[in-house]
């Protein structure tokens, strides 16, 4: 059904193009982009992945699927006011390959200068790389900073947005509001289960560009509409009358663990500078939740680069920290094995998904052609106890507290 829905969406855009077309329209443009990248680490005890939507990740056995992708984009100018865009990206992702990788499929109406209204499948525009997160050629690094973007599985949503630009001083200010629905599929570590997430989304951004500077702030409200399937057996156990007799606090724990109808608040701020020689960029964000199974997280990064002709040297520093304290539970009134097993399951769910990660990266970009860039990057990660949620950790056994990741790649646009 998801695939049919995606194809239907694309068909409706073509119907709209035909309906609005005039003699000189539509004007079609086809563009594309891609990355061929390989990465490896110095450990087999953890798998590195670019985002939490990826699996299986890479270890000391190098792999191509974490960084490699290929995207195609079709733009159609229907007339002077209407425009249609479809973008699809083949990449390593969990779930329906066609539906989850359909990034954009929207109609844009420009009723007046500096006013855009769009509807359809849109990019989740709440961070600096929103419009080009998949386009490796558009940024310095091998991949978006891991601490900031690794835990953001939302690339797009189905809905609408409205953006207005104003001249403020010597720069341009953009105000945008958006809302809709996002369906994402995320792998559950150490299992073959794929968790479906249905999120209602509303938010806005404020951006200002002047000279070599670009600054932006954003806020998004996300409401989870579905219970995560892997949680259901645990919730059923906590709501069981016999369990509540032995463990009186079990039912109240059920309300804390349940993800359905729970809200996430995502706030971010970013700043970038590029004068053609020096490049610097930083972002910081805070994800606020009341869920003990998805603790609040603060993260950010700072990047500094220097161009030397066609070569660019860069450094990158990142940090991501879970802010909630470890959850402690009251003990059952009696040592019933089944209840003890349930308590252990809740402990794992609540305390084994934290993030405690810091990193430093050094890299080199070589623009060998107008549309081709070669890159290499070394990243060193420090991982705290109970802080590897952005990685794929084994079901049991120790994990390293430091990992090196090496990457090489080629980005291109056409």
Protein backbone atom coordinates (compact mmCIF):
# COMPACT_ATOMS: atom_id res chain seq x y z
CA UNK A 1 0.00 0.00 0.00
CA UNK A 2 2.86 2.40 0.71
CA UNK A 3 4.29 1.77 -2.75
CA UNK A 4 0.90 2.33 -4.39
CA UNK A 5 0.50 5.55 -2.42
CA UNK A 6 3.89 6.82 -3.62
CA UNK A 7 3.15 5.99 -7.25
CA UNK A 8 -0.26 7.63 -6.99
CA UNK A 9 1.35 10.79 -5.59
CA UNK A 10 3.76 10.97 -8.51
CA UNK A 11 0.95 10.36 -11.02
CA UNK A 12 -1.08 13.22 -9.56
CA UNK A 13 1.83 15.58 -10.18
CA UNK A 14 1.93 14.61 -13.84
CA UNK A 15 -1.82 15.12 -14.13
CA UNK A 16 -1.40 18.57 -12.60
CA UNK A 17 1.40 19.39 -15.04
CA UNK A 18 -0.82 18.49 -18.00
CA UNK A 19 -3.72 20.52 -16.63
CA UNK A 20 -1.70 23.71 -16.10
CA UNK A 21 0.59 23.52 -19.13
CA UNK A 22 0.57 26.25 -21.77
CA UNK A 23 2.13 26.31 -25.24
CA UNK A 24 5.68 26.99 -23.99
CA UNK A 25 5.36 24.77 -20.96
CA UNK A 26 6.20 22.53 -19.26
CA UNK A 27 9.95 23.00 -19.24
CA UNK A 28 11.65 19.87 -17.87
CA UNK A 29 15.05 19.59 -16.20
CA UNK A 30 16.66 16.35 -15.08
CA UNK A 31 19.58 16.45 -12.65
CA UNK A 32 21.30 13.93 -10.45
CA UNK A 33 23.87 13.39 -7.76
CA UNK A 34 25.65 10.55 -6.06
CA UNK A 35 28.39 9.29 -3.82
CA UNK A 36 30.59 6.23 -4.13
CA UNK A 37 32.11 5.79 -0.70
CA UNK A 38 33.84 3.13 1.38
CA UNK A 39 34.34 3.09 5.14
CA UNK A 40 35.89 0.89 7.77
CA UNK A 41 36.72 0.90 11.48
CA UNK A 42 39.27 -0.65 13.81
CA UNK A 43 36.81 -2.87 15.67
CA UNK A 44 34.43 -5.75 15.09
CA UNK A 45 32.54 -5.10 18.34
CA UNK A 46 30.54 -2.13 17.02
CA UNK A 47 29.09 -1.31 13.62
CA UNK A 48 29.28 2.27 12.41
CA UNK A 49 26.31 3.68 10.47
CA UNK A 50 25.59 7.14 9.15
CA UNK A 51 22.05 7.24 10.61
CA UNK A 52 19.82 5.02 12.71
CA UNK A 53 17.88 4.05 9.56
CA UNK A 54 20.87 2.12 8.23
CA UNK A 55 21.79 -1.51 8.72
CA UNK A 56 24.10 -3.43 9.01
CA UNK A 57 26.76 -0.71 9.18
CA UNK A 58 30.52 -1.18 8.75
CA UNK A 59 33.19 -2.67 11.02
CA UNK A 60 36.85 -3.57 10.49
CA UNK A 61 35.58 -5.30 7.36
CA UNK A 62 35.11 -2.32 5.08
CA UNK A 63 31.82 -1.66 3.30
CA UNK A 64 30.32 0.59 0.63
CA UNK A 65 26.67 0.79 1.61
CA UNK A 66 26.87 3.28 4.49
CA UNK A 67 27.96 6.27 2.37
CA UNK A 68 27.08 5.33 -1.22
CA UNK A 69 23.92 6.66 -2.87
CA UNK A 70 22.49 7.79 -6.20
CA UNK A 71 19.79 10.41 -6.63
CA UNK A 72 17.71 11.66 -9.55
CA UNK A 73 15.60 14.81 -9.62
CA UNK A 74 13.02 15.95 -12.16
CA UNK A 75 11.90 19.58 -12.17
CA UNK A 76 9.05 20.84 -14.33
CA UNK A 77 8.26 24.52 -14.78
CA UNK A 78 4.52 24.29 -15.49
CA UNK A 79 4.11 28.03 -15.98
CA UNK A 80 5.50 31.19 -14.39
CA UNK A 81 3.75 30.45 -11.08
CA UNK A 82 3.64 26.65 -10.84
CA UNK A 83 6.53 24.24 -10.50
CA UNK A 84 6.73 20.49 -9.80
CA UNK A 85 9.66 18.53 -8.36
CA UNK A 86 10.25 14.82 -7.82
CA UNK A 87 13.43 13.47 -6.22
CA UNK A 88 14.25 9.84 -5.50
CA UNK A 89 17.45 8.58 -3.86
CA UNK A 90 18.73 5.01 -3.92
CA UNK A 91 20.59 4.45 -0.65
CA UNK A 92 20.93 2.08 2.28
CA UNK A 93 17.72 2.45 4.25
CA UNK A 94 15.30 0.29 6.18
CA UNK A 95 11.78 -0.48 5.02
CA UNK A 96 10.05 -0.07 1.68
CA UNK A 97 12.84 0.79 -0.77
CA UNK A 98 10.68 2.83 -3.15
CA UNK A 99 8.50 4.65 -0.64
CA UNK A 100 11.14 5.44 1.98
CA UNK A 101 13.59 6.73 -0.63
CA UNK A 102 11.09 9.04 -2.37
CA UNK A 103 12.46 12.26 -0.89
CA UNK A 104 10.48 14.95 -2.70
CA UNK A 105 7.30 14.97 -4.76
CA UNK A 106 5.65 18.36 -4.50
CA UNK A 107 3.90 21.17 -6.33
CA UNK A 108 5.05 24.72 -5.70
CA UNK A 109 2.86 27.76 -6.25
CA UNK A 110 4.40 31.23 -6.30
CA UNK A 111 1.45 33.65 -6.19
CA UNK A 112 3.73 36.64 -5.58
CA UNK A 113 7.42 37.44 -5.53
CA UNK A 114 9.21 35.98 -2.51
CA UNK A 115 6.22 33.85 -1.49
CA UNK A 116 6.23 30.08 -1.99
CA UNK A 117 3.48 27.60 -1.11
CA UNK A 118 4.27 23.91 -1.54
CA UNK A 119 2.28 20.72 -1.05
CA UNK A 120 3.22 17.06 -1.37
CA UNK A 121 6.28 15.23 -0.08
CA UNK A 122 8.71 17.79 1.30
CA UNK A 123 12.11 17.82 2.98
CA UNK A 124 12.07 18.06 6.77
CA UNK A 125 13.39 21.63 6.85
CA UNK A 126 14.63 21.98 10.41
CA UNK A 127 18.44 21.91 10.09
CA UNK A 128 21.19 23.42 7.93
CA UNK A 129 21.44 20.52 5.47
CA UNK A 130 17.69 20.02 5.02
CA UNK A 131 17.69 20.70 1.29
CA UNK A 132 20.85 18.74 0.44
CA UNK A 133 21.42 16.15 3.17
CA UNK A 134 21.79 13.43 0.51
CA UNK A 135 23.99 15.50 -1.81
CA UNK A 136 27.54 14.80 -0.65
CA UNK A 137 28.99 17.20 -3.23
CA UNK A 138 27.24 20.10 -1.47
CA UNK A 139 29.17 19.81 1.80
CA UNK A 140 32.79 19.36 2.86
CA UNK A 141 32.66 16.12 4.80
CA UNK A 142 32.25 12.48 3.82
CA UNK A 143 28.87 12.49 5.55
CA UNK A 144 26.82 14.89 7.69
CA UNK A 145 28.23 15.15 11.24
CA UNK A 146 27.39 11.93 13.04
CA UNK A 147 26.52 13.34 16.46
CA UNK A 148 24.00 15.79 14.99
CA UNK A 149 22.50 13.94 12.02
CA UNK A 150 23.02 10.29 12.98
CA UNK A 151 20.01 10.26 15.29
CA UNK A 152 17.67 12.07 12.85
CA UNK A 153 15.89 9.37 10.80
CA UNK A 154 13.30 11.82 9.41
CA UNK A 155 14.25 13.01 5.93
CA UNK A 156 10.82 14.04 4.61
CA UNK A 157 7.13 14.42 5.41
CA UNK A 158 3.85 14.57 3.50
CA UNK A 159 2.12 17.89 3.94
CA UNK A 160 2.53 21.56 3.07
CA UNK A 161 4.66 24.58 3.84
CA UNK A 162 4.59 28.30 3.21
CA UNK A 163 7.69 30.51 3.05
CA UNK A 164 8.02 34.26 2.75
CA UNK A 165 11.23 36.20 2.11
CA UNK A 166 11.87 39.77 3.26
CA UNK A 167 14.68 42.22 2.67
CA UNK A 168 16.10 43.16 6.06
CA UNK A 169 19.04 45.51 5.97
CA UNK A 170 21.55 44.16 3.47
CA UNK A 171 20.35 40.58 3.81
CA UNK A 172 17.37 38.32 3.17
CA UNK A 173 15.20 36.92 5.94
CA UNK A 174 13.06 33.82 5.37
CA UNK A 175 10.14 32.78 7.55
CA UNK A 176 8.64 29.35 6.98
CA UNK A 177 5.84 27.34 8.58
CA UNK A 178 5.15 23.69 7.80
CA UNK A 179 2.97 20.80 8.87
CA UNK A 180 2.03 17.29 7.86
CA UNK A 181 2.70 13.63 8.52
CA UNK A 182 5.81 11.46 8.33
CA UNK A 183 5.94 7.66 8.08
CA UNK A 184 9.37 6.20 8.79
CA UNK A 185 10.68 2.68 9.30
CA UNK A 186 13.56 2.02 11.68
CA UNK A 187 15.48 -1.21 12.30
CA UNK A 188 15.43 -2.70 15.80
CA UNK A 189 19.01 -3.65 16.78
CA UNK A 190 19.83 -7.36 17.09
CA UNK A 191 16.57 -8.44 15.48
CA UNK A 192 14.87 -8.65 12.11
CA UNK A 193 12.03 -6.43 13.33
CA UNK A 194 11.34 -3.12 11.58
CA UNK A 195 9.55 -0.53 13.70
CA UNK A 196 6.98 1.67 11.93
CA UNK A 197 6.68 5.22 13.18
CA UNK A 198 3.84 7.53 12.23
CA UNK A 199 4.45 11.13 13.26
CA UNK A 200 2.32 14.26 13.02
CA UNK A 201 4.62 17.23 12.43
CA UNK A 202 4.28 21.00 12.78
CA UNK A 203 6.97 23.63 12.98
CA UNK A 204 8.73 26.61 11.55
CA UNK A 205 12.08 28.20 10.82
CA UNK A 206 13.62 31.65 10.73
CA UNK A 207 16.69 32.14 8.52
CA UNK A 208 18.82 35.16 7.64
CA UNK A 209 21.49 35.42 4.93
CA UNK A 210 23.77 38.41 4.61
CA UNK A 211 27.11 38.56 2.84
CA UNK A 212 29.11 35.44 3.71
CA UNK A 213 26.92 34.57 6.70
CA UNK A 214 23.91 32.31 7.07
CA UNK A 215 22.07 31.86 10.36
CA UNK A 216 18.90 29.92 11.12
CA UNK A 217 16.70 28.79 14.00
CA UNK A 218 13.94 26.21 13.91
CA UNK A 219 11.42 24.39 16.07
CA UNK A 220 9.40 21.24 15.34
CA UNK A 221 6.65 19.52 17.28
CA UNK A 222 6.30 15.80 16.58
CA UNK A 223 3.50 13.62 17.92
CA UNK A 224 3.94 9.86 17.76
CA UNK A 225 0.73 8.22 16.49
CA UNK A 226 1.69 4.54 16.75
CA UNK A 227 2.88 2.27 19.51
CA UNK A 228 6.23 0.73 18.70
CA UNK A 229 5.54 -2.93 17.95
CA UNK A 230 8.49 -4.28 20.00
CA UNK A 231 7.08 -2.54 23.10
CA UNK A 232 3.66 -4.18 22.95
CA UNK A 233 4.59 -7.47 24.73
CA UNK A 234 6.22 -5.45 27.53
CA UNK A 235 3.18 -3.18 27.85
CA UNK A 236 0.84 -6.18 27.93
CA UNK A 237 2.92 -7.65 30.76
CA UNK A 238 2.89 -4.42 32.77
CA UNK A 239 -0.89 -4.13 32.43
CA UNK A 240 -1.49 -7.72 33.48
CA UNK A 241 -3.55 -7.91 36.69
CA UNK A 242 -1.43 -10.71 38.17
CA UNK A 243 1.78 -8.75 37.54
CA UNK A 244 0.27 -5.66 39.20
CA UNK A 245 -0.52 -7.72 42.28
CA UNK A 246 3.13 -8.66 42.70
CA UNK A 247 4.51 -5.38 41.32
CA UNK A 248 2.14 -2.47 42.18
CA UNK A 249 4.08 0.15 40.19
CA UNK A 250 3.94 -1.87 36.95
CA UNK A 251 0.87 -0.16 35.48
CA UNK A 252 2.24 3.34 36.06
CA UNK A 253 5.45 2.25 34.31
CA UNK A 254 3.33 1.22 31.34
CA UNK A 255 2.25 4.84 30.86
CA UNK A 256 5.84 6.06 31.01
CA UNK A 257 7.12 3.49 28.51
CA UNK A 258 4.29 3.75 25.97
CA UNK A 259 5.23 5.86 22.94
CA UNK A 260 1.73 6.35 21.49
CA UNK A 261 0.44 9.93 21.64
CA UNK A 262 3.73 11.12 23.13
CA UNK A 263 5.36 14.33 21.89
CA UNK A 264 8.89 15.26 20.84
CA UNK A 265 10.09 18.87 20.80
CA UNK A 266 13.01 19.53 18.46
CA UNK A 267 14.82 22.88 18.58
CA UNK A 268 17.94 23.79 16.63
CA UNK A 269 20.16 26.70 15.72
CA UNK A 270 22.83 26.92 13.03
CA UNK A 271 25.46 29.33 11.74
CA UNK A 272 27.63 29.14 8.61
CA UNK A 273 30.32 31.36 7.09
CA UNK A 274 32.01 31.01 3.67
CA UNK A 275 34.17 33.72 2.11
CA UNK A 276 35.62 31.47 -0.59
CA UNK A 277 38.75 30.70 1.43
CA UNK A 278 37.61 29.96 4.98
CA UNK A 279 34.53 27.88 5.74
CA UNK A 280 33.02 27.37 9.15
CA UNK A 281 29.73 25.88 10.24
CA UNK A 282 28.14 24.92 13.53
CA UNK A 283 24.80 23.58 14.68
CA UNK A 284 23.29 22.73 18.05
CA UNK A 285 19.99 21.09 18.88
CA UNK A 286 17.93 19.80 21.77
CA UNK A 287 15.36 17.01 21.59
CA UNK A 288 13.01 17.18 24.57
CA UNK A 289 10.82 14.17 25.41
CA UNK A 290 9.01 12.70 28.39
CA UNK A 291 9.73 9.13 27.30
CA UNK A 292 11.99 6.93 29.36
CA UNK A 293 12.49 4.80 26.25
CA UNK A 294 13.68 7.83 24.21
CA UNK A 295 15.58 10.16 26.51
CA UNK A 296 16.16 13.85 25.83
CA UNK A 297 19.35 14.56 23.89
CA UNK A 298 21.56 17.62 23.31
CA UNK A 299 24.01 17.59 20.43
CA UNK A 300 26.08 19.80 18.20
CA UNK A 301 29.15 20.16 16.02
CA UNK A 302 31.69 22.70 14.82
CA UNK A 303 33.48 22.51 11.48
CA UNK A 304 36.37 24.61 10.14
CA UNK A 305 37.81 24.38 6.64
CA UNK A 306 40.45 26.16 4.56
CA UNK A 307 40.62 26.16 0.75
CA UNK A 308 43.91 25.96 -1.10
CA UNK A 309 42.85 26.19 -4.73
CA UNK A 310 41.07 22.95 -5.54
CA UNK A 311 42.07 21.37 -2.21
CA UNK A 312 40.19 21.95 1.04
CA UNK A 313 41.45 20.82 4.44
CA UNK A 314 38.84 20.57 7.17
CA UNK A 315 38.33 19.60 10.79
CA UNK A 316 35.13 18.60 12.54
CA UNK A 317 34.26 18.33 16.23
CA UNK A 318 31.02 16.74 17.45
CA UNK A 319 29.23 15.93 20.71
CA UNK A 320 25.97 14.22 21.61
CA UNK A 321 24.78 13.58 25.16
CA UNK A 322 21.70 12.01 26.71
CA UNK A 323 20.57 14.33 29.49
CA UNK A 324 18.18 12.06 31.40
CA UNK A 325 19.45 10.17 34.42
CA UNK A 326 19.40 6.40 34.39
CA UNK A 327 15.94 5.10 35.26
CA UNK A 328 15.51 3.13 38.49
CA UNK A 329 12.49 1.01 39.30
CA UNK A 330 10.97 -0.23 42.52
CA UNK A 331 11.34 -3.95 43.13
CA UNK A 332 8.42 -6.42 43.02
CA UNK A 333 6.93 -7.51 46.34
CA UNK A 334 7.84 -11.13 45.66
CA UNK A 335 10.68 -12.77 43.67
CA UNK A 336 8.53 -14.14 40.84
CA UNK A 337 10.80 -15.19 37.93
CA UNK A 338 8.42 -13.96 35.20
CA UNK A 339 8.10 -10.54 36.85
CA UNK A 340 11.87 -10.33 37.35
CA UNK A 341 12.36 -11.06 33.64
CA UNK A 342 9.87 -8.30 32.79
CA UNK A 343 11.72 -5.88 35.06
CA UNK A 344 15.01 -6.72 33.33
CA UNK A 345 13.40 -6.11 29.91
CA UNK A 346 12.24 -2.68 31.00
CA UNK A 347 15.69 -1.87 32.34
CA UNK A 348 17.25 -2.70 28.99
CA UNK A 349 14.67 -0.67 27.10
CA UNK A 350 15.12 2.34 29.35
CA UNK A 351 18.84 2.41 29.94
CA UNK A 352 20.52 0.93 26.89
CA UNK A 353 19.59 3.54 24.28
CA UNK A 354 21.54 6.51 25.60
CA UNK A 355 24.01 8.60 23.61
CA UNK A 356 27.38 9.59 25.03
CA UNK A 357 29.59 10.38 22.05
CA UNK A 358 32.33 12.85 21.19
CA UNK A 359 34.47 12.94 18.07
CA UNK A 360 37.17 14.72 16.16
CA UNK A 361 37.57 14.37 12.39
CA UNK A 362 40.19 15.50 9.89
CA UNK A 363 39.60 15.39 6.17
CA UNK A 364 40.64 16.47 2.71
CA UNK A 365 38.45 17.39 -0.26
CA UNK A 366 39.86 17.64 -3.78
CA UNK A 367 37.65 19.16 -6.48
CA UNK A 368 39.17 17.40 -9.47
CA UNK A 369 36.38 18.56 -11.81
CA UNK A 370 33.58 21.09 -11.84
CA UNK A 371 31.14 18.32 -10.90
CA UNK A 372 33.37 15.79 -9.09
CA UNK A 373 35.03 15.87 -5.67
CA UNK A 374 37.24 13.26 -4.03
CA UNK A 375 37.26 13.04 -0.23
CA UNK A 376 39.03 11.20 2.53
CA UNK A 377 38.28 11.46 6.25
CA UNK A 378 39.51 10.08 9.56
CA UNK A 379 37.23 10.25 12.60
CA UNK A 380 38.04 9.31 16.18
CA UNK A 381 35.08 8.64 18.48
CA UNK A 382 34.97 8.54 22.27
CA UNK A 383 32.00 6.51 23.53
CA UNK A 384 30.80 6.55 27.14
CA UNK A 385 29.08 3.80 29.08
CA UNK A 386 25.55 3.21 27.86
CA UNK A 387 26.16 5.70 25.02
CA UNK A 388 26.28 3.79 21.73
CA UNK A 389 22.69 4.26 20.53
CA UNK A 390 23.86 5.74 17.21
CA UNK A 391 25.88 2.58 16.51
CA UNK A 392 24.91 -1.07 16.16
CA UNK A 393 26.12 -2.84 19.29
CA UNK A 394 26.07 -6.60 19.90
CA UNK A 395 23.28 -8.07 22.02
CA UNK A 396 25.76 -8.82 24.79
CA UNK A 397 29.42 -8.37 25.59
CA UNK A 398 31.68 -5.33 26.00
CA UNK A 399 31.95 -2.54 23.47
CA UNK A 400 35.00 -0.32 22.92
CA UNK A 401 35.14 3.16 24.39
CA UNK A 402 37.14 4.48 21.42
CA UNK A 403 36.72 3.77 17.70
CA UNK A 404 38.50 5.05 14.60
CA UNK A 405 36.57 5.32 11.33
CA UNK A 406 38.33 5.80 7.97
CA UNK A 407 36.47 6.79 4.83
CA UNK A 408 37.21 7.54 1.18
CA UNK A 409 34.74 8.58 -1.46
CA UNK A 410 33.81 10.38 -4.64
CA UNK A 411 30.89 12.82 -4.84
CA UNK A 412 29.42 13.93 -8.15
CA UNK A 413 26.55 15.91 -9.64
CA UNK A 414 25.20 15.92 -13.18
